[in-house]
Every structure is written in C-alpha cells, then in structure tokens.
C-alpha cells in the first residue's frame, strides 16, 4: 500500500487539497512533482533576490515533498526501480541542502533535470494506465 500522508501534508500549503481528494495515485504523484518544481522556481528567485529566509522555507517544503515521494515508493514490490528512485530522491535532497548552504543555482539545475525526467516518466505511466 502506498502512503501519501507525508507528501499530502507537505502539499497542503499549495492550495491543492481539493484536487488531491479525488485524484488517483498517478495524479497525486504528478501533483507532488508539480508542486516541487513550482517551489524550485520560487527558491531560485529567492536566491537571486537574496531572500534567504524564504529560500530556506522553500527548501524545507521541497524536502518534505521529496519525503512524500519517497514514502510513496512500494519497496516490497517495486524492486530495482523503487530502489533507484529512492536513491534519486536522496541525491536531490542532498543537492538541495548543498544549494541552500552555498546559494548555488547550479545545484538546483541538477535537481530540476532529475525531477523533470521523473515527472515525465510518471506522466507516461499515467497516460498508459488511463
């Protein structure tokens, strides 16, 4: 059974509760990716504008979303795919922390590429499942 409680809590502040209530699993995961990538863009702006308190809050939100995505992985039945996705989520989390410490936009670019690729993969799964 997939658990989205952590991801849902992280996502409450982005005004999608109504969408999440009736969404299937693919839509929920895609909503998490959308929220993550939206927050990533905001964090970039905060770094550029030197709004470091808002940057820190955004990084925290993204880490919570990553936690929700990680918690949603089916480790028992997901095999190598789930294990690899978990490693990617952990890598992204570490890169976010590095970006925050150094105010480094290149670290955020790396995270964006990974998360966009994963999002596109989930979009393909959702279309295939429909």
N, C-alpha and C. Protein backbone atom coordinates (compact mmCIF):
# COMPACT_ATOMS: atom_id res chain seq x y z
N UNK A 1 0.84 -1.18 0.00
CA UNK A 1 0.00 0.00 0.00
C UNK A 1 0.88 1.24 0.00
N UNK A 2 0.57 2.18 -0.85
CA UNK A 2 1.35 3.40 -0.95
C UNK A 2 0.85 4.42 0.06
N UNK A 3 1.77 5.14 0.70
CA UNK A 3 1.43 6.11 1.72
C UNK A 3 1.76 7.51 1.24
N UNK A 4 0.74 8.35 1.12
CA UNK A 4 0.95 9.72 0.67
C UNK A 4 0.74 10.72 1.79
N UNK A 5 0.61 10.29 3.03
CA UNK A 5 0.31 11.22 4.12
C UNK A 5 1.38 12.29 4.26
N UNK A 6 2.66 11.93 4.20
CA UNK A 6 3.72 12.93 4.32
C UNK A 6 3.71 13.90 3.16
N UNK A 7 3.57 13.40 1.97
CA UNK A 7 3.53 14.25 0.79
C UNK A 7 2.32 15.15 0.79
N UNK A 8 1.20 14.61 1.22
CA UNK A 8 -0.02 15.41 1.28
C UNK A 8 0.13 16.54 2.28
N UNK A 9 0.72 16.27 3.44
CA UNK A 9 0.93 17.32 4.43
C UNK A 9 1.85 18.40 3.88
N UNK A 10 2.88 18.01 3.17
CA UNK A 10 3.80 18.97 2.59
C UNK A 10 3.13 19.82 1.53
N UNK A 11 2.12 19.26 0.94
CA UNK A 11 1.48 19.92 -0.18
C UNK A 11 0.26 20.74 0.23
N UNK A 12 -0.18 20.67 1.47
CA UNK A 12 -1.36 21.39 1.92
C UNK A 12 -1.24 22.88 1.70
N UNK A 13 -0.05 23.44 1.84
CA UNK A 13 0.15 24.87 1.74
C UNK A 13 0.09 25.38 0.30
N UNK A 14 -0.12 24.53 -0.66
CA UNK A 14 -0.12 24.98 -2.06
C UNK A 14 -1.51 24.96 -2.68
N UNK A 15 -2.54 24.89 -1.87
CA UNK A 15 -3.93 25.02 -2.31
C UNK A 15 -4.38 23.96 -3.31
N UNK A 16 -4.00 22.72 -3.08
CA UNK A 16 -4.43 21.66 -3.98
C UNK A 16 -5.24 20.60 -3.25
N UNK A 17 -5.69 20.90 -2.05
CA UNK A 17 -6.39 19.89 -1.28
C UNK A 17 -7.60 19.34 -2.03
N UNK A 18 -8.32 20.21 -2.71
CA UNK A 18 -9.49 19.76 -3.45
C UNK A 18 -9.14 18.79 -4.55
N UNK A 19 -8.07 19.08 -5.27
CA UNK A 19 -7.62 18.19 -6.34
C UNK A 19 -7.18 16.84 -5.78
N UNK A 20 -6.45 16.87 -4.67
CA UNK A 20 -5.90 15.65 -4.09
C UNK A 20 -7.00 14.72 -3.59
N UNK A 21 -8.10 15.30 -3.14
CA UNK A 21 -9.16 14.49 -2.55
C UNK A 21 -9.73 13.48 -3.53
N UNK A 22 -9.83 13.84 -4.81
CA UNK A 22 -10.42 12.93 -5.78
C UNK A 22 -9.43 12.35 -6.77
N UNK A 23 -8.15 12.51 -6.53
CA UNK A 23 -7.14 12.10 -7.51
C UNK A 23 -6.73 10.64 -7.31
N UNK A 24 -6.37 10.00 -8.42
CA UNK A 24 -5.81 8.65 -8.31
C UNK A 24 -4.32 8.76 -8.00
N UNK A 25 -3.68 7.62 -7.81
CA UNK A 25 -2.29 7.60 -7.38
C UNK A 25 -1.36 8.32 -8.36
N UNK A 26 -1.58 8.14 -9.65
CA UNK A 26 -0.72 8.81 -10.63
C UNK A 26 -0.88 10.31 -10.55
N UNK A 27 -2.11 10.76 -10.40
CA UNK A 27 -2.35 12.20 -10.30
C UNK A 27 -1.74 12.78 -9.03
N UNK A 28 -1.82 12.03 -7.93
CA UNK A 28 -1.21 12.51 -6.69
C UNK A 28 0.30 12.67 -6.83
N UNK A 29 0.94 11.69 -7.41
CA UNK A 29 2.39 11.77 -7.60
C UNK A 29 2.73 12.93 -8.53
N UNK A 30 1.95 13.09 -9.59
CA UNK A 30 2.20 14.20 -10.52
C UNK A 30 1.99 15.54 -9.83
N UNK A 31 1.01 15.62 -8.93
CA UNK A 31 0.80 16.85 -8.18
C UNK A 31 2.00 17.16 -7.30
N UNK A 32 2.59 16.14 -6.71
CA UNK A 32 3.79 16.35 -5.90
C UNK A 32 4.94 16.85 -6.76
N UNK A 33 5.12 16.27 -7.93
CA UNK A 33 6.17 16.76 -8.83
C UNK A 33 5.90 18.20 -9.24
N UNK A 34 4.66 18.51 -9.59
CA UNK A 34 4.32 19.88 -9.99
C UNK A 34 4.64 20.86 -8.86
N UNK A 35 4.21 20.52 -7.65
CA UNK A 35 4.48 21.39 -6.51
C UNK A 35 5.96 21.55 -6.24
N UNK A 36 6.70 20.46 -6.38
CA UNK A 36 8.14 20.51 -6.17
C UNK A 36 8.79 21.45 -7.18
N UNK A 37 8.46 21.29 -8.45
CA UNK A 37 9.09 22.10 -9.49
C UNK A 37 8.67 23.56 -9.40
N UNK A 38 7.43 23.82 -9.01
CA UNK A 38 6.99 25.20 -8.78
C UNK A 38 7.80 25.84 -7.65
N UNK A 39 7.96 25.09 -6.58
CA UNK A 39 8.72 25.61 -5.43
C UNK A 39 10.18 25.81 -5.80
N UNK A 40 10.73 24.94 -6.62
CA UNK A 40 12.11 25.08 -7.07
C UNK A 40 12.30 26.41 -7.80
N UNK A 41 11.36 26.76 -8.65
CA UNK A 41 11.45 28.04 -9.37
C UNK A 41 11.40 29.22 -8.39
N UNK A 42 10.53 29.12 -7.39
CA UNK A 42 10.46 30.19 -6.39
C UNK A 42 11.77 30.30 -5.60
N UNK A 43 12.35 29.17 -5.23
CA UNK A 43 13.60 29.18 -4.48
C UNK A 43 14.71 29.84 -5.30
N UNK A 44 14.75 29.56 -6.59
CA UNK A 44 15.75 30.22 -7.44
C UNK A 44 15.59 31.74 -7.37
N UNK A 45 14.36 32.19 -7.46
CA UNK A 45 14.11 33.63 -7.35
C UNK A 45 14.52 34.19 -6.00
N UNK A 46 14.27 33.43 -4.94
CA UNK A 46 14.65 33.88 -3.61
C UNK A 46 16.18 33.98 -3.48
N UNK A 47 16.89 33.03 -4.05
CA UNK A 47 18.36 33.09 -4.01
C UNK A 47 18.84 34.31 -4.78
N UNK A 48 18.30 34.52 -5.97
CA UNK A 48 18.73 35.65 -6.79
C UNK A 48 18.43 36.99 -6.11
N UNK A 49 17.31 37.06 -5.40
CA UNK A 49 16.92 38.30 -4.73
C UNK A 49 17.48 38.39 -3.30
N UNK A 50 18.25 37.39 -2.91
CA UNK A 50 18.87 37.35 -1.58
C UNK A 50 17.83 37.37 -0.46
N UNK A 51 16.70 36.68 -0.70
CA UNK A 51 15.67 36.50 0.33
C UNK A 51 15.91 35.12 0.96
N UNK A 52 16.92 35.05 1.79
CA UNK A 52 17.40 33.77 2.27
C UNK A 52 16.44 33.09 3.25
N UNK A 53 15.64 33.86 3.97
CA UNK A 53 14.66 33.24 4.85
C UNK A 53 13.59 32.51 4.04
N UNK A 54 13.16 33.13 2.94
CA UNK A 54 12.16 32.50 2.07
C UNK A 54 12.77 31.32 1.32
N UNK A 55 14.04 31.44 0.96
CA UNK A 55 14.74 30.32 0.32
C UNK A 55 14.75 29.12 1.25
N UNK A 56 15.07 29.35 2.51
CA UNK A 56 15.14 28.25 3.48
C UNK A 56 13.77 27.58 3.64
N UNK A 57 12.71 28.37 3.69
CA UNK A 57 11.36 27.82 3.82
C UNK A 57 11.01 27.00 2.59
N UNK A 58 11.40 27.47 1.41
CA UNK A 58 11.13 26.74 0.17
C UNK A 58 11.90 25.43 0.11
N UNK A 59 13.15 25.45 0.53
CA UNK A 59 13.96 24.23 0.57
C UNK A 59 13.30 23.22 1.50
N UNK A 60 12.83 23.69 2.63
CA UNK A 60 12.16 22.81 3.58
C UNK A 60 10.92 22.17 2.96
N UNK A 61 10.12 22.97 2.24
CA UNK A 61 8.93 22.42 1.57
C UNK A 61 9.32 21.36 0.54
N UNK A 62 10.38 21.63 -0.23
CA UNK A 62 10.81 20.65 -1.23
C UNK A 62 11.30 19.37 -0.58
N UNK A 63 12.00 19.48 0.53
CA UNK A 63 12.46 18.28 1.24
C UNK A 63 11.27 17.46 1.75
N UNK A 64 10.23 18.13 2.20
CA UNK A 64 9.03 17.42 2.65
C UNK A 64 8.35 16.72 1.47
N UNK A 65 8.29 17.38 0.34
CA UNK A 65 7.70 16.75 -0.84
C UNK A 65 8.52 15.53 -1.25
N UNK A 66 9.85 15.67 -1.23
CA UNK A 66 10.71 14.51 -1.53
C UNK A 66 10.42 13.38 -0.56
N UNK A 67 10.22 13.73 0.71
CA UNK A 67 9.88 12.71 1.70
C UNK A 67 8.58 12.02 1.37
N UNK A 68 7.61 12.78 0.90
CA UNK A 68 6.33 12.19 0.50
C UNK A 68 6.49 11.29 -0.71
N UNK A 69 7.28 11.72 -1.68
CA UNK A 69 7.53 10.88 -2.85
C UNK A 69 8.25 9.60 -2.45
N UNK A 70 9.23 9.74 -1.57
CA UNK A 70 9.97 8.57 -1.11
C UNK A 70 9.05 7.61 -0.35
N UNK A 71 8.19 8.16 0.50
CA UNK A 71 7.27 7.32 1.27
C UNK A 71 6.26 6.61 0.38
N UNK A 72 6.02 7.17 -0.80
CA UNK A 72 5.04 6.56 -1.71
C UNK A 72 5.61 5.37 -2.48
N UNK A 73 6.92 5.19 -2.42
CA UNK A 73 7.53 4.08 -3.16
C UNK A 73 7.13 2.74 -2.53
N UNK A 74 6.81 1.80 -3.37
CA UNK A 74 6.46 0.46 -2.92
C UNK A 74 7.74 -0.37 -2.88
N UNK A 75 8.41 -0.32 -1.73
CA UNK A 75 9.70 -1.00 -1.59
C UNK A 75 9.58 -2.52 -1.69
N UNK A 76 8.45 -3.08 -1.29
CA UNK A 76 8.29 -4.53 -1.31
C UNK A 76 8.11 -5.06 -2.73
N UNK A 77 7.37 -4.33 -3.55
CA UNK A 77 7.07 -4.82 -4.90
C UNK A 77 7.76 -4.03 -6.00
N UNK A 78 8.38 -2.92 -5.64
CA UNK A 78 8.96 -2.03 -6.65
C UNK A 78 10.32 -2.45 -7.15
N UNK A 79 10.97 -3.33 -6.43
CA UNK A 79 12.26 -3.85 -6.86
C UNK A 79 13.30 -2.79 -7.12
N UNK A 80 14.05 -3.00 -8.18
CA UNK A 80 15.17 -2.12 -8.53
C UNK A 80 14.70 -0.72 -8.89
N UNK A 81 13.54 -0.62 -9.51
CA UNK A 81 13.02 0.70 -9.89
C UNK A 81 12.79 1.55 -8.65
N UNK A 82 12.11 1.00 -7.65
CA UNK A 82 11.85 1.73 -6.41
C UNK A 82 13.16 2.09 -5.71
N UNK A 83 14.10 1.17 -5.69
CA UNK A 83 15.39 1.43 -5.05
C UNK A 83 16.13 2.56 -5.76
N UNK A 84 16.11 2.56 -7.09
CA UNK A 84 16.78 3.61 -7.85
C UNK A 84 16.10 4.96 -7.66
N UNK A 85 14.77 4.96 -7.62
CA UNK A 85 14.06 6.22 -7.39
C UNK A 85 14.37 6.76 -6.00
N UNK A 86 14.46 5.88 -5.02
CA UNK A 86 14.80 6.31 -3.68
C UNK A 86 16.18 6.97 -3.67
N UNK A 87 17.13 6.38 -4.39
CA UNK A 87 18.47 6.97 -4.47
C UNK A 87 18.43 8.34 -5.15
N UNK A 88 17.61 8.47 -6.18
CA UNK A 88 17.49 9.77 -6.85
C UNK A 88 16.87 10.81 -5.91
N UNK A 89 15.85 10.44 -5.17
CA UNK A 89 15.25 11.36 -4.21
C UNK A 89 16.27 11.77 -3.15
N UNK A 90 17.07 10.81 -2.68
CA UNK A 90 18.09 11.13 -1.68
C UNK A 90 19.15 12.06 -2.27
N UNK A 91 19.54 11.79 -3.50
CA UNK A 91 20.52 12.66 -4.18
C UNK A 91 19.97 14.08 -4.31
N UNK A 92 18.71 14.19 -4.70
CA UNK A 92 18.09 15.51 -4.84
C UNK A 92 18.02 16.22 -3.50
N UNK A 93 17.71 15.50 -2.45
CA UNK A 93 17.67 16.10 -1.12
C UNK A 93 19.02 16.65 -0.72
N UNK A 94 20.07 15.88 -0.97
CA UNK A 94 21.43 16.34 -0.64
C UNK A 94 21.80 17.55 -1.50
N UNK A 95 21.44 17.52 -2.76
CA UNK A 95 21.74 18.65 -3.65
C UNK A 95 20.99 19.91 -3.20
N UNK A 96 19.76 19.74 -2.71
CA UNK A 96 19.01 20.90 -2.19
C UNK A 96 19.71 21.50 -0.98
N UNK A 97 20.18 20.64 -0.10
CA UNK A 97 20.90 21.14 1.08
C UNK A 97 22.19 21.86 0.67
N UNK A 98 22.91 21.30 -0.29
CA UNK A 98 24.12 21.96 -0.79
C UNK A 98 23.79 23.30 -1.43
N UNK A 99 22.74 23.33 -2.23
CA UNK A 99 22.32 24.57 -2.89
C UNK A 99 21.96 25.62 -1.85
N UNK A 100 21.30 25.19 -0.80
CA UNK A 100 20.90 26.12 0.24
C UNK A 100 22.11 26.67 0.99
N UNK A 101 23.04 25.80 1.33
CA UNK A 101 24.23 26.23 2.06
C UNK A 101 25.09 27.19 1.25
N UNK A 102 25.20 26.93 -0.06
CA UNK A 102 26.10 27.71 -0.91
C UNK A 102 25.36 28.75 -1.75
N UNK A 103 24.02 28.76 -1.67
CA UNK A 103 23.21 29.62 -2.55
C UNK A 103 23.63 29.39 -4.01
N UNK A 104 23.70 28.13 -4.36
CA UNK A 104 24.24 27.68 -5.64
C UNK A 104 23.11 27.27 -6.58
N UNK A 105 22.90 28.05 -7.62
CA UNK A 105 21.84 27.77 -8.58
C UNK A 105 22.16 26.56 -9.46
N UNK A 106 23.44 26.23 -9.64
CA UNK A 106 23.77 25.07 -10.48
C UNK A 106 23.31 23.77 -9.82
N UNK A 107 23.36 23.71 -8.50
CA UNK A 107 22.83 22.53 -7.79
C UNK A 107 21.33 22.40 -8.05
N UNK A 108 20.63 23.52 -8.07
CA UNK A 108 19.20 23.48 -8.33
C UNK A 108 18.91 23.04 -9.77
N UNK A 109 19.77 23.42 -10.70
CA UNK A 109 19.59 22.98 -12.09
C UNK A 109 19.67 21.46 -12.19
N UNK A 110 20.60 20.87 -11.47
CA UNK A 110 20.74 19.41 -11.46
C UNK A 110 19.48 18.76 -10.92
N UNK A 111 18.95 19.30 -9.84
CA UNK A 111 17.72 18.77 -9.25
C UNK A 111 16.56 18.90 -10.23
N UNK A 112 16.48 20.04 -10.90
CA UNK A 112 15.40 20.26 -11.86
C UNK A 112 15.42 19.21 -12.97
N UNK A 113 16.59 18.93 -13.50
CA UNK A 113 16.72 17.94 -14.57
C UNK A 113 16.23 16.57 -14.10
N UNK A 114 16.69 16.16 -12.94
CA UNK A 114 16.30 14.84 -12.41
C UNK A 114 14.80 14.78 -12.18
N UNK A 115 14.26 15.78 -11.50
CA UNK A 115 12.85 15.76 -11.14
C UNK A 115 11.95 15.92 -12.37
N UNK A 116 12.39 16.68 -13.36
CA UNK A 116 11.61 16.82 -14.59
C UNK A 116 11.58 15.49 -15.34
N UNK A 117 12.71 14.81 -15.39
CA UNK A 117 12.75 13.49 -16.05
C UNK A 117 11.85 12.50 -15.34
N UNK A 118 11.87 12.50 -14.01
CA UNK A 118 10.99 11.60 -13.26
C UNK A 118 9.52 11.97 -13.48
N UNK A 119 9.24 13.25 -13.49
CA UNK A 119 7.87 13.70 -13.73
C UNK A 119 7.38 13.23 -15.10
N UNK A 120 8.21 13.37 -16.10
CA UNK A 120 7.83 12.92 -17.45
C UNK A 120 7.58 11.42 -17.48
N UNK A 121 8.38 10.67 -16.74
CA UNK A 121 8.15 9.23 -16.65
C UNK A 121 6.80 8.92 -16.02
N UNK A 122 6.46 9.62 -14.95
CA UNK A 122 5.16 9.42 -14.30
C UNK A 122 4.02 9.85 -15.21
N UNK A 123 4.23 10.91 -15.99
CA UNK A 123 3.18 11.32 -16.93
C UNK A 123 2.92 10.22 -17.94
N UNK A 124 4.00 9.57 -18.41
CA UNK A 124 3.85 8.45 -19.33
C UNK A 124 3.12 7.29 -18.70
N UNK A 125 3.43 7.00 -17.44
CA UNK A 125 2.71 5.92 -16.73
C UNK A 125 1.24 6.24 -16.57
N UNK A 126 0.95 7.50 -16.25
CA UNK A 126 -0.45 7.90 -16.06
C UNK A 126 -1.23 7.77 -17.36
N UNK A 127 -0.61 8.15 -18.46
CA UNK A 127 -1.27 8.03 -19.77
C UNK A 127 -1.47 6.57 -20.14
N UNK A 128 -0.50 5.74 -19.83
CA UNK A 128 -0.59 4.32 -20.15
C UNK A 128 -1.67 3.64 -19.29
N UNK A 129 -1.80 4.09 -18.04
CA UNK A 129 -2.78 3.49 -17.13
C UNK A 129 -4.21 3.91 -17.46
N UNK A 130 -4.35 5.04 -18.15
CA UNK A 130 -5.69 5.57 -18.46
C UNK A 130 -6.37 4.80 -19.55
